[in-house]
Every structure is written in C-alpha cells, then in structure tokens.
Amino acid sequence: MLVTSERIPSIFFALMILVAFPETGQAADISVQIARHGDTFEINASAEVEVAVTDAWKVLTDYGRLAEFIPGMLESRVVSRDGSSVVVDQSGETSLLFFTFPMHVRLAIEEQPYVRISSTAIAGNFKELTGVYLLQARGAGMRLSYAGKFTPDFGFPPLLGTLIVRKTAEKRFNAMVHEIEKARRRDPAPAAR
C-alpha cells in the first residue's frame, strides 16, 4: 500500500498509541525483548508462572492445538513423530495496521522432556529460524524462557519491522503463558478423603 504524506501524521499517531499502551491482561512477571541486527531478529522472553513444569510441558508440546490460542496462527499440525523428534507444519500471519505478512514454516523439533524444546526451520518462508523453550521448576511454580532468532524471507518495513515483531512476540508469548495458566485451572481437584 502506498503511504502518502497526508497519511503520515495519522499513521504516526496510531503507532504512538500502540507503543504507549502495552497489552492488557498480561500475567504477572512476563518479559519480552526484541533486538534487530540487519534482517535478523532475536527474541528473548520469560515468565514466572504458578504451575507445575508438567502442566506447562503439556501445553507447549500439544502442537496440534497451538492455532486455537496463539494469535495469528492459522494452522499447526504434526507431520511426523519419532520418539523425542517431531516435525510440525505451521502457517499464519502477522500484521500491524495495514501491513500483513503471511508465514509458513516446517519445524524440526527436539524434545528433552520437562526441560527443553528446541526447534529449527527446515522449510518455509524463513531464511533462518531457531528457538528454544526452557522450563525450570521454582518452588511451587516455574520459570518459562524462550530464546529465538529468525530471518524472514520477506521484507519488513525498515522503521516498523521491529515494532511488528515486538507486538507479535508479546501477543504470542502472553497467549502461551495464559494457556499454561488455564491448563492448571482445568486440572480437577483431588478427591476428598
């Protein structure tokens, strides 16, 4: 879409609103940071969650359900599984204002139960995409960390790219944490004796 000089003030105002007012409804103690190096983006996110590591693991590894609660993800399906090695196809899109970017990726995932989930893109519209979830028990709860790096095979606008990636990463990580918290509440209470 062509941006004319008459539209720049309204676009600037809309962007300032997005930056000034963070996402609401976040669980406590969530942090998401983005860094851009040329065309490559790095994401580091973490959350302190009052759930058992096993509850978080169930949500993180239920790949077929991810599209039900991750914003912008349209499909997530397991292509194959061999022990702790999983291949997953995902598609979706990310958008901000009038910019929309389709995303398709096939991930090779390695699971180390209740500790680590590593993924690497083996096909799709990314030149590079790697990510690692780490789960660490902490008392009655846990710390969930994510570190990822990706280089898209499509161009983000130079000035808006980092903002688009940050908003998308925040929404998706918050949705994952929220679903993990819901999983704990769904577990039935032990029967009274």
N, C-alpha and C. Protein backbone atom coordinates (compact mmCIF):
# COMPACT_ATOMS: atom_id res chain seq x y z
N MET A 1 0.85 -1.19 0.00
CA MET A 1 0.00 0.00 0.00
C MET A 1 0.89 1.24 0.00
N LEU A 2 0.55 2.21 -0.77
CA LEU A 2 1.30 3.45 -0.88
C LEU A 2 0.92 4.36 0.28
N VAL A 3 1.94 4.87 0.93
CA VAL A 3 1.70 5.78 2.04
C VAL A 3 1.99 7.19 1.56
N THR A 4 0.99 8.06 1.58
CA THR A 4 1.16 9.44 1.14
C THR A 4 1.53 10.31 2.32
N SER A 5 2.05 11.50 2.01
CA SER A 5 2.47 12.40 3.08
C SER A 5 1.28 12.84 3.93
N GLU A 6 0.06 12.84 3.36
CA GLU A 6 -1.11 13.22 4.14
C GLU A 6 -1.44 12.17 5.20
N ARG A 7 -1.05 10.91 4.95
CA ARG A 7 -1.40 9.82 5.87
C ARG A 7 -0.36 9.66 6.97
N ILE A 8 0.83 10.23 6.80
CA ILE A 8 1.90 10.02 7.77
C ILE A 8 1.50 10.46 9.18
N PRO A 9 0.88 11.65 9.39
CA PRO A 9 0.50 12.01 10.76
C PRO A 9 -0.45 11.01 11.40
N SER A 10 -1.44 10.49 10.66
CA SER A 10 -2.38 9.54 11.26
C SER A 10 -1.69 8.20 11.54
N ILE A 11 -0.78 7.78 10.67
CA ILE A 11 -0.04 6.55 10.92
C ILE A 11 0.86 6.73 12.14
N PHE A 12 1.54 7.87 12.23
CA PHE A 12 2.41 8.14 13.37
C PHE A 12 1.60 8.13 14.67
N PHE A 13 0.42 8.75 14.67
CA PHE A 13 -0.43 8.78 15.85
C PHE A 13 -0.85 7.37 16.27
N ALA A 14 -1.26 6.56 15.28
CA ALA A 14 -1.66 5.17 15.58
C ALA A 14 -0.51 4.38 16.17
N LEU A 15 0.69 4.55 15.63
CA LEU A 15 1.85 3.84 16.16
C LEU A 15 2.17 4.28 17.59
N MET A 16 2.03 5.56 17.86
CA MET A 16 2.31 6.07 19.22
C MET A 16 1.32 5.48 20.22
N ILE A 17 0.08 5.30 19.83
CA ILE A 17 -0.91 4.67 20.71
C ILE A 17 -0.50 3.23 21.00
N LEU A 18 -0.07 2.49 19.98
CA LEU A 18 0.35 1.10 20.18
C LEU A 18 1.53 1.00 21.12
N VAL A 19 2.48 1.92 21.00
CA VAL A 19 3.67 1.88 21.85
C VAL A 19 3.34 2.36 23.26
N ALA A 20 2.51 3.39 23.39
CA ALA A 20 2.23 3.98 24.69
C ALA A 20 1.40 3.09 25.60
N PHE A 21 0.52 2.28 25.01
CA PHE A 21 -0.36 1.46 25.82
C PHE A 21 -0.03 -0.01 25.59
N PRO A 22 0.67 -0.64 26.54
CA PRO A 22 1.03 -2.04 26.37
C PRO A 22 -0.19 -2.94 26.41
N GLU A 23 0.02 -4.20 26.00
CA GLU A 23 -1.06 -5.19 26.05
C GLU A 23 -1.62 -5.27 27.46
N THR A 24 -2.92 -5.41 27.55
CA THR A 24 -3.54 -5.56 28.86
C THR A 24 -3.83 -7.03 29.11
N GLY A 25 -4.10 -7.37 30.33
CA GLY A 25 -4.44 -8.74 30.66
C GLY A 25 -3.24 -9.66 30.75
N GLN A 26 -2.05 -9.11 30.87
CA GLN A 26 -0.86 -9.94 30.97
C GLN A 26 -0.79 -10.59 32.33
N ALA A 27 -0.24 -11.80 32.33
CA ALA A 27 0.07 -12.44 33.61
C ALA A 27 1.25 -11.68 34.21
N ALA A 28 1.40 -11.78 35.52
CA ALA A 28 2.50 -11.08 36.18
C ALA A 28 3.84 -11.66 35.76
N ASP A 29 4.85 -10.83 35.82
CA ASP A 29 6.24 -11.25 35.61
C ASP A 29 6.51 -11.82 34.23
N ILE A 30 6.00 -11.19 33.19
CA ILE A 30 6.31 -11.57 31.81
C ILE A 30 7.23 -10.50 31.23
N SER A 31 8.28 -10.96 30.56
CA SER A 31 9.22 -10.05 29.92
C SER A 31 9.47 -10.53 28.49
N VAL A 32 9.41 -9.60 27.53
CA VAL A 32 9.70 -9.91 26.13
C VAL A 32 10.61 -8.81 25.60
N GLN A 33 11.77 -9.21 25.07
CA GLN A 33 12.70 -8.26 24.47
C GLN A 33 13.01 -8.68 23.03
N ILE A 34 13.15 -7.68 22.18
CA ILE A 34 13.44 -7.89 20.77
C ILE A 34 14.68 -7.08 20.40
N ALA A 35 15.56 -7.69 19.60
CA ALA A 35 16.70 -6.97 19.04
C ALA A 35 16.74 -7.26 17.55
N ARG A 36 17.11 -6.24 16.78
CA ARG A 36 17.21 -6.42 15.33
C ARG A 36 18.65 -6.16 14.90
N HIS A 37 19.17 -7.08 14.09
CA HIS A 37 20.51 -6.95 13.53
C HIS A 37 20.37 -7.15 12.03
N GLY A 38 20.26 -6.05 11.29
CA GLY A 38 20.01 -6.15 9.85
C GLY A 38 18.64 -6.74 9.60
N ASP A 39 18.59 -7.87 8.89
CA ASP A 39 17.32 -8.54 8.61
C ASP A 39 16.96 -9.59 9.65
N THR A 40 17.84 -9.80 10.64
CA THR A 40 17.64 -10.85 11.64
C THR A 40 17.09 -10.26 12.94
N PHE A 41 16.12 -10.97 13.50
CA PHE A 41 15.50 -10.56 14.76
C PHE A 41 15.83 -11.59 15.84
N GLU A 42 16.10 -11.12 17.04
CA GLU A 42 16.30 -12.01 18.19
C GLU A 42 15.21 -11.71 19.21
N ILE A 43 14.65 -12.78 19.76
CA ILE A 43 13.58 -12.66 20.75
C ILE A 43 14.03 -13.37 22.02
N ASN A 44 13.88 -12.71 23.14
CA ASN A 44 14.10 -13.31 24.45
C ASN A 44 12.89 -13.01 25.30
N ALA A 45 12.26 -14.05 25.81
CA ALA A 45 11.05 -13.87 26.62
C ALA A 45 11.13 -14.79 27.83
N SER A 46 10.50 -14.36 28.91
CA SER A 46 10.46 -15.21 30.10
C SER A 46 9.22 -14.86 30.92
N ALA A 47 8.82 -15.83 31.73
CA ALA A 47 7.66 -15.64 32.60
C ALA A 47 7.81 -16.51 33.83
N GLU A 48 7.40 -15.99 34.95
CA GLU A 48 7.28 -16.76 36.19
C GLU A 48 5.82 -17.18 36.28
N VAL A 49 5.58 -18.48 36.29
CA VAL A 49 4.22 -18.99 36.22
C VAL A 49 3.96 -19.91 37.41
N GLU A 50 2.80 -19.77 38.03
CA GLU A 50 2.43 -20.59 39.19
C GLU A 50 1.80 -21.90 38.76
N VAL A 51 2.54 -22.70 38.00
CA VAL A 51 2.09 -24.02 37.57
C VAL A 51 3.26 -24.98 37.66
N ALA A 52 2.94 -26.27 37.65
CA ALA A 52 3.98 -27.29 37.61
C ALA A 52 4.58 -27.37 36.21
N VAL A 53 5.84 -27.73 36.13
CA VAL A 53 6.52 -27.88 34.85
C VAL A 53 5.76 -28.85 33.94
N THR A 54 5.20 -29.91 34.51
CA THR A 54 4.48 -30.90 33.71
C THR A 54 3.24 -30.30 33.04
N ASP A 55 2.56 -29.37 33.72
CA ASP A 55 1.40 -28.70 33.12
C ASP A 55 1.83 -27.84 31.93
N ALA A 56 2.93 -27.10 32.10
CA ALA A 56 3.43 -26.26 31.01
C ALA A 56 3.88 -27.13 29.84
N TRP A 57 4.52 -28.24 30.14
CA TRP A 57 5.00 -29.15 29.09
C TRP A 57 3.85 -29.65 28.22
N LYS A 58 2.74 -29.99 28.86
CA LYS A 58 1.57 -30.49 28.11
C LYS A 58 1.09 -29.46 27.09
N VAL A 59 1.06 -28.21 27.48
CA VAL A 59 0.59 -27.15 26.57
C VAL A 59 1.61 -26.91 25.47
N LEU A 60 2.88 -26.79 25.83
CA LEU A 60 3.93 -26.49 24.86
C LEU A 60 4.06 -27.57 23.78
N THR A 61 3.83 -28.82 24.15
CA THR A 61 4.03 -29.92 23.21
C THR A 61 2.73 -30.42 22.56
N ASP A 62 1.63 -29.75 22.81
CA ASP A 62 0.37 -30.10 22.15
C ASP A 62 0.28 -29.28 20.86
N TYR A 63 1.18 -29.59 19.92
CA TYR A 63 1.37 -28.79 18.71
C TYR A 63 0.09 -28.65 17.89
N GLY A 64 -0.74 -29.64 17.86
CA GLY A 64 -1.97 -29.60 17.09
C GLY A 64 -2.98 -28.58 17.61
N ARG A 65 -2.84 -28.15 18.86
CA ARG A 65 -3.78 -27.19 19.46
C ARG A 65 -3.28 -25.75 19.42
N LEU A 66 -2.04 -25.52 19.05
CA LEU A 66 -1.47 -24.17 19.16
C LEU A 66 -2.28 -23.11 18.41
N ALA A 67 -2.82 -23.47 17.25
CA ALA A 67 -3.59 -22.49 16.47
C ALA A 67 -4.89 -22.08 17.16
N GLU A 68 -5.32 -22.84 18.16
CA GLU A 68 -6.55 -22.50 18.89
C GLU A 68 -6.37 -21.28 19.79
N PHE A 69 -5.14 -21.00 20.21
CA PHE A 69 -4.96 -19.88 21.16
C PHE A 69 -3.80 -18.94 20.84
N ILE A 70 -2.97 -19.25 19.86
CA ILE A 70 -1.87 -18.35 19.50
C ILE A 70 -2.37 -17.36 18.44
N PRO A 71 -2.35 -16.06 18.74
CA PRO A 71 -2.84 -15.06 17.79
C PRO A 71 -2.07 -15.12 16.47
N GLY A 72 -2.81 -15.11 15.38
CA GLY A 72 -2.20 -15.10 14.06
C GLY A 72 -1.81 -16.46 13.51
N MET A 73 -1.84 -17.49 14.35
CA MET A 73 -1.52 -18.84 13.86
C MET A 73 -2.80 -19.46 13.33
N LEU A 74 -2.78 -19.83 12.06
CA LEU A 74 -3.96 -20.39 11.42
C LEU A 74 -3.97 -21.90 11.44
N GLU A 75 -2.78 -22.51 11.42
CA GLU A 75 -2.69 -23.98 11.42
C GLU A 75 -1.40 -24.41 12.09
N SER A 76 -1.48 -25.49 12.84
CA SER A 76 -0.31 -26.14 13.43
C SER A 76 -0.63 -27.62 13.47
N ARG A 77 0.17 -28.42 12.75
CA ARG A 77 -0.13 -29.85 12.72
C ARG A 77 1.16 -30.66 12.73
N VAL A 78 1.10 -31.78 13.40
CA VAL A 78 2.23 -32.69 13.47
C VAL A 78 2.29 -33.48 12.17
N VAL A 79 3.43 -33.44 11.52
CA VAL A 79 3.66 -34.17 10.27
C VAL A 79 4.19 -35.57 10.60
N SER A 80 5.12 -35.63 11.56
CA SER A 80 5.68 -36.92 11.97
C SER A 80 6.26 -36.81 13.37
N ARG A 81 6.35 -37.98 14.02
CA ARG A 81 6.95 -38.05 15.35
C ARG A 81 7.74 -39.35 15.44
N ASP A 82 8.98 -39.23 15.94
CA ASP A 82 9.83 -40.39 16.16
C ASP A 82 10.50 -40.19 17.52
N GLY A 83 9.87 -40.73 18.56
CA GLY A 83 10.39 -40.52 19.92
C GLY A 83 10.32 -39.06 20.31
N SER A 84 11.48 -38.47 20.59
CA SER A 84 11.52 -37.06 21.01
C SER A 84 11.73 -36.11 19.83
N SER A 85 11.74 -36.64 18.60
CA SER A 85 11.88 -35.80 17.40
C SER A 85 10.51 -35.65 16.73
N VAL A 86 10.14 -34.40 16.48
CA VAL A 86 8.82 -34.11 15.92
C VAL A 86 9.00 -33.14 14.75
N VAL A 87 8.22 -33.34 13.70
CA VAL A 87 8.17 -32.38 12.59
C VAL A 87 6.78 -31.78 12.58
N VAL A 88 6.72 -30.44 12.58
CA VAL A 88 5.45 -29.71 12.68
C VAL A 88 5.38 -28.68 11.57
N ASP A 89 4.23 -28.62 10.89
CA ASP A 89 3.95 -27.56 9.91
C ASP A 89 3.07 -26.51 10.58
N GLN A 90 3.46 -25.24 10.39
CA GLN A 90 2.67 -24.14 10.93
C GLN A 90 2.49 -23.08 9.85
N SER A 91 1.32 -22.44 9.86
CA SER A 91 1.08 -21.32 8.96
C SER A 91 0.26 -20.28 9.71
N GLY A 92 0.41 -19.06 9.27
CA GLY A 92 -0.31 -17.97 9.90
C GLY A 92 0.10 -16.66 9.28
N GLU A 93 -0.13 -15.60 10.03
CA GLU A 93 0.25 -14.28 9.54
C GLU A 93 0.47 -13.36 10.72
N THR A 94 1.20 -12.30 10.44
CA THR A 94 1.36 -11.24 11.44
C THR A 94 1.01 -9.95 10.74
N SER A 95 0.47 -9.03 11.50
CA SER A 95 0.05 -7.77 10.88
C SER A 95 0.11 -6.63 11.88
N LEU A 96 0.21 -5.45 11.33
CA LEU A 96 0.14 -4.21 12.10
C LEU A 96 -0.42 -3.15 11.17
N LEU A 97 -1.48 -2.52 11.62
CA LEU A 97 -2.16 -1.53 10.80
C LEU A 97 -2.52 -2.15 9.46
N PHE A 98 -1.98 -1.64 8.36
CA PHE A 98 -2.34 -2.14 7.04
C PHE A 98 -1.29 -3.08 6.46
N PHE A 99 -0.28 -3.45 7.25
CA PHE A 99 0.74 -4.40 6.80
C PHE A 99 0.36 -5.80 7.27
N THR A 100 0.37 -6.78 6.36
CA THR A 100 0.12 -8.18 6.71
C THR A 100 1.19 -9.03 6.04
N PHE A 101 1.76 -9.96 6.81
CA PHE A 101 2.82 -10.81 6.31
C PHE A 101 2.46 -12.27 6.56
N PRO A 102 2.29 -13.06 5.49
CA PRO A 102 1.99 -14.49 5.67
C PRO A 102 3.25 -15.22 6.11
N MET A 103 3.06 -16.25 6.94
CA MET A 103 4.18 -17.05 7.42
C MET A 103 3.86 -18.52 7.28
N HIS A 104 4.83 -19.27 6.77
CA HIS A 104 4.71 -20.72 6.63
C HIS A 104 6.04 -21.31 7.06
N VAL A 105 6.00 -22.34 7.89
CA VAL A 105 7.25 -22.93 8.35
C VAL A 105 7.04 -24.41 8.67
N ARG A 106 8.05 -25.20 8.36
CA ARG A 106 8.12 -26.60 8.81
C ARG A 106 9.25 -26.64 9.82
N LEU A 107 8.92 -27.08 11.03
CA LEU A 107 9.89 -27.11 12.13
C LEU A 107 10.33 -28.52 12.46
N ALA A 108 11.62 -28.70 12.65
CA ALA A 108 12.17 -29.92 13.23
C ALA A 108 12.35 -29.62 14.71
N ILE A 109 11.65 -30.36 15.54
CA ILE A 109 11.63 -30.11 17.00
C ILE A 109 12.27 -31.27 17.73
N GLU A 110 13.10 -30.93 18.71
CA GLU A 110 13.71 -31.93 19.60
C GLU A 110 13.22 -31.65 21.02
N GLU A 111 12.62 -32.65 21.63
CA GLU A 111 12.10 -32.51 22.99
C GLU A 111 13.03 -33.20 23.99
N GLN A 112 13.34 -32.49 25.04
CA GLN A 112 14.02 -33.08 26.20
C GLN A 112 13.01 -32.93 27.34
N PRO A 113 12.22 -33.99 27.61
CA PRO A 113 11.05 -33.86 28.47
C PRO A 113 11.26 -33.07 29.77
N TYR A 114 10.35 -32.14 29.92
CA TYR A 114 10.20 -31.29 31.10
C TYR A 114 11.35 -30.32 31.31
N VAL A 115 12.26 -30.21 30.33
CA VAL A 115 13.41 -29.31 30.46
C VAL A 115 13.54 -28.36 29.28
N ARG A 116 13.48 -28.90 28.05
CA ARG A 116 13.87 -28.11 26.88
C ARG A 116 13.13 -28.58 25.63
N ILE A 117 12.72 -27.60 24.79
CA ILE A 117 12.14 -27.87 23.48
C ILE A 117 12.88 -26.97 22.49
N SER A 118 13.60 -27.58 21.55
CA SER A 118 14.36 -26.83 20.55
C SER A 118 13.72 -27.02 19.20
N SER A 119 13.68 -25.93 18.41
CA SER A 119 13.10 -26.03 17.06
C SER A 119 13.98 -25.31 16.05
N THR A 120 13.99 -25.86 14.84
CA THR A 120 14.73 -25.27 13.73
C THR A 120 13.87 -25.38 12.48
N ALA A 121 13.79 -24.29 11.70
CA ALA A 121 13.04 -24.32 10.45
C ALA A 121 13.80 -25.15 9.43
N ILE A 122 13.08 -26.07 8.78
CA ILE A 122 13.69 -26.87 7.71
C ILE A 122 13.02 -26.58 6.37
N ALA A 123 11.98 -25.78 6.37
CA ALA A 123 11.31 -25.34 5.13
C ALA A 123 10.42 -24.16 5.50
N GLY A 124 10.00 -23.41 4.49
CA GLY A 124 9.09 -22.30 4.74
C GLY A 124 9.66 -20.99 4.24
N ASN A 125 9.05 -19.89 4.67
CA ASN A 125 9.49 -18.59 4.19
C ASN A 125 10.36 -17.85 5.20
N PHE A 126 11.29 -18.58 5.78
CA PHE A 126 12.31 -18.01 6.65
C PHE A 126 13.68 -18.47 6.17
N LYS A 127 14.63 -17.56 6.07
CA LYS A 127 15.99 -17.94 5.73
C LYS A 127 16.61 -18.70 6.90
N GLU A 128 16.21 -18.30 8.10
CA GLU A 128 16.70 -18.92 9.33
C GLU A 128 15.63 -18.75 10.39
N LEU A 129 15.41 -19.79 11.20
CA LEU A 129 14.51 -19.69 12.33
C LEU A 129 14.89 -20.78 13.32
N THR A 130 15.30 -20.36 14.50
CA THR A 130 15.60 -21.30 15.58
C THR A 130 14.95 -20.78 16.86
N GLY A 131 14.60 -21.70 17.75
CA GLY A 131 14.01 -21.29 19.01
C GLY A 131 14.18 -22.37 20.06
N VAL A 132 14.25 -21.94 21.31
CA VAL A 132 14.40 -22.87 22.43
C VAL A 132 13.52 -22.41 23.58
N TYR A 133 12.65 -23.31 24.05
CA TYR A 133 11.92 -23.10 25.30
C TYR A 133 12.67 -23.84 26.39
N LEU A 134 12.87 -23.19 27.53
CA LEU A 134 13.46 -23.82 28.71
C LEU A 134 12.45 -23.75 29.84
N LEU A 135 12.31 -24.86 30.58
CA LEU A 135 11.39 -24.94 31.71
C LEU A 135 12.21 -25.22 32.96
N GLN A 136 12.07 -24.38 33.97
CA GLN A 136 12.82 -24.54 35.21
C GLN A 136 11.86 -24.49 36.40
N ALA A 137 11.83 -25.57 37.17
CA ALA A 137 10.98 -25.61 38.37
C ALA A 137 11.51 -24.60 39.38
N ARG A 138 10.58 -23.90 40.03
CA ARG A 138 10.94 -22.92 41.07
C ARG A 138 9.87 -23.00 42.15
N GLY A 139 10.17 -23.71 43.21
CA GLY A 139 9.20 -23.88 44.29
C GLY A 139 7.94 -24.54 43.76
N ALA A 140 6.78 -23.91 44.01
CA ALA A 140 5.50 -24.46 43.54
C ALA A 140 5.22 -24.07 42.10
N GLY A 141 6.07 -23.21 41.52
CA GLY A 141 5.85 -22.75 40.17
C GLY A 141 7.01 -23.07 39.26
N MET A 142 7.17 -22.25 38.24
CA MET A 142 8.24 -22.49 37.28
C MET A 142 8.59 -21.20 36.55
N ARG A 143 9.74 -21.23 35.90
CA ARG A 143 10.15 -20.16 35.01
C ARG A 143 10.16 -20.73 33.59
N LEU A 144 9.45 -20.07 32.70
CA LEU A 144 9.43 -20.43 31.29
C LEU A 144 10.24 -19.39 30.54
N SER A 145 11.23 -19.84 29.78
CA SER A 145 12.07 -18.93 28.99
C SER A 145 12.02 -19.34 27.54
N TYR A 146 12.12 -18.36 26.66
CA TYR A 146 12.19 -18.61 25.23
C TYR A 146 13.28 -17.73 24.65
N ALA A 147 14.14 -18.32 23.83
CA ALA A 147 15.14 -17.57 23.07
C ALA A 147 15.02 -18.00 21.63
N GLY A 148 14.83 -17.04 20.73
CA GLY A 148 14.67 -17.37 19.32
C GLY A 148 15.39 -16.38 18.44
N LYS A 149 15.65 -16.82 17.23
CA LYS A 149 16.33 -15.98 16.24
C LYS A 149 15.74 -16.32 14.89
N PHE A 150 15.37 -15.30 14.11
CA PHE A 150 14.84 -15.60 12.79
C PHE A 150 15.17 -14.49 11.79
N THR A 151 15.31 -14.92 10.55
CA THR A 151 15.50 -14.03 9.42
C THR A 151 14.41 -14.37 8.41
N PRO A 152 13.44 -13.49 8.22
CA PRO A 152 12.36 -13.80 7.28
C PRO A 152 12.85 -13.75 5.84
N ASP A 153 12.15 -14.48 5.00
CA ASP A 153 12.44 -14.49 3.57
C ASP A 153 11.57 -13.45 2.86
N PHE A 154 11.04 -12.52 3.62
CA PHE A 154 10.21 -11.43 3.10
C PHE A 154 10.63 -10.19 3.86
N GLY A 155 10.43 -9.04 3.27
CA GLY A 155 10.91 -7.80 3.89
C GLY A 155 9.89 -7.17 4.82
N PHE A 156 10.37 -6.82 6.02
CA PHE A 156 9.57 -5.99 6.92
C PHE A 156 9.92 -4.54 6.62
N PRO A 157 8.97 -3.62 6.75
CA PRO A 157 9.30 -2.21 6.54
C PRO A 157 10.42 -1.81 7.50
N PRO A 158 11.40 -1.05 7.03
CA PRO A 158 12.56 -0.73 7.86
C PRO A 158 12.22 -0.12 9.22
N LEU A 159 11.33 0.84 9.27
CA LEU A 159 11.03 1.51 10.53
C LEU A 159 10.02 0.76 11.39
N LEU A 160 9.14 0.00 10.76
CA LEU A 160 8.09 -0.68 11.51
C LEU A 160 8.41 -2.13 11.85
N GLY A 161 9.41 -2.71 11.21
CA GLY A 161 9.70 -4.13 11.38
C GLY A 161 9.86 -4.55 12.82
N THR A 162 10.67 -3.82 13.57
CA THR A 162 10.91 -4.18 14.97
C THR A 162 9.63 -4.06 15.80
N LEU A 163 8.84 -3.03 15.53
CA LEU A 163 7.57 -2.86 16.25
C LEU A 163 6.62 -4.01 15.93
N ILE A 164 6.54 -4.41 14.66
CA ILE A 164 5.68 -5.52 14.28
C ILE A 164 6.11 -6.80 14.98
N VAL A 165 7.41 -7.07 14.97
CA VAL A 165 7.93 -8.30 15.61
C VAL A 165 7.68 -8.24 17.11
N ARG A 166 7.92 -7.10 17.73
CA ARG A 166 7.73 -6.99 19.19
C ARG A 166 6.27 -7.23 19.58
N LYS A 167 5.34 -6.57 18.87
CA LYS A 167 3.92 -6.74 19.20
C LYS A 167 3.47 -8.19 18.98
N THR A 168 3.94 -8.80 17.89
CA THR A 168 3.58 -10.19 17.61
C THR A 168 4.15 -11.12 18.67
N ALA A 169 5.42 -10.94 19.02
CA ALA A 169 6.06 -11.79 20.03
C ALA A 169 5.38 -11.64 21.38
N GLU A 170 5.04 -10.41 21.77
CA GLU A 170 4.36 -10.19 23.05
C GLU A 170 3.01 -10.89 23.07
N LYS A 171 2.22 -10.71 22.02
CA LYS A 171 0.90 -11.33 21.97
C LYS A 171 0.99 -12.85 22.04
N ARG A 172 1.92 -13.42 21.27
CA ARG A 172 2.02 -14.88 21.20
C ARG A 172 2.58 -15.47 22.50
N PHE A 173 3.59 -14.84 23.07
CA PHE A 173 4.14 -15.38 24.33
C PHE A 173 3.12 -15.23 25.46
N ASN A 174 2.44 -14.08 25.51
CA ASN A 174 1.38 -13.89 26.52
C ASN A 174 0.28 -14.92 26.37
N ALA A 175 -0.11 -15.23 25.13
CA ALA A 175 -1.15 -16.24 24.89
C ALA A 175 -0.69 -17.61 25.36
N MET A 176 0.58 -17.94 25.13
CA MET A 176 1.11 -19.23 25.58
C MET A 176 1.08 -19.32 27.11
N VAL A 177 1.53 -18.27 27.77
CA VAL A 177 1.54 -18.25 29.25
C VAL A 177 0.11 -18.35 29.77
N HIS A 178 -0.81 -17.61 29.16
CA HIS A 178 -2.21 -17.63 29.60
C HIS A 178 -2.79 -19.04 29.46
N GLU A 179 -2.47 -19.71 28.35
CA GLU A 179 -2.99 -21.08 28.14
C GLU A 179 -2.38 -22.04 29.16
N ILE A 180 -1.12 -21.85 29.51
CA ILE A 180 -0.49 -22.68 30.54
C ILE A 180 -1.18 -22.47 31.88
N GLU A 181 -1.48 -21.22 32.21
CA GLU A 181 -2.19 -20.93 33.47
C GLU A 181 -3.58 -21.55 33.46
N LYS A 182 -4.27 -21.50 32.31
CA LYS A 182 -5.60 -22.11 32.21
C LYS A 182 -5.53 -23.62 32.38
N ALA A 183 -4.47 -24.24 31.87
CA ALA A 183 -4.32 -25.70 31.98
C ALA A 183 -4.29 -26.12 33.44
N ARG A 184 -3.67 -25.34 34.26
CA ARG A 184 -3.61 -25.65 35.71
C ARG A 184 -5.00 -25.57 36.32
N ARG A 185 -5.76 -24.54 35.92
CA ARG A 185 -7.11 -24.38 36.48
C ARG A 185 -8.06 -25.46 35.98
N ARG A 186 -7.78 -26.05 34.79
CA ARG A 186 -8.65 -27.11 34.25
C ARG A 186 -8.44 -28.43 34.95
N ASP A 187 -7.25 -28.64 35.57
CA ASP A 187 -6.99 -29.92 36.24
C ASP A 187 -7.95 -30.07 37.40
N PRO A 188 -8.62 -31.23 37.51
CA PRO A 188 -9.57 -31.42 38.59
C PRO A 188 -8.85 -31.48 39.95
N ALA A 189 -9.55 -30.99 40.93
CA ALA A 189 -9.00 -31.04 42.30
C ALA A 189 -9.00 -32.49 42.79
N PRO A 190 -8.02 -32.85 43.62
CA PRO A 190 -8.01 -34.23 44.15
C PRO A 190 -9.27 -34.51 44.96
N ALA A 191 -9.73 -35.74 44.90
CA ALA A 191 -10.94 -36.12 45.64
C ALA A 191 -10.71 -36.05 47.14
N ALA A 192 -11.71 -35.59 47.87
CA ALA A 192 -11.60 -35.51 49.33
C ALA A 192 -11.66 -36.92 49.91
N ARG A 193 -10.93 -37.14 50.99
CA ARG A 193 -10.91 -38.46 51.63
C ARG A 193 -11.80 -38.48 52.83
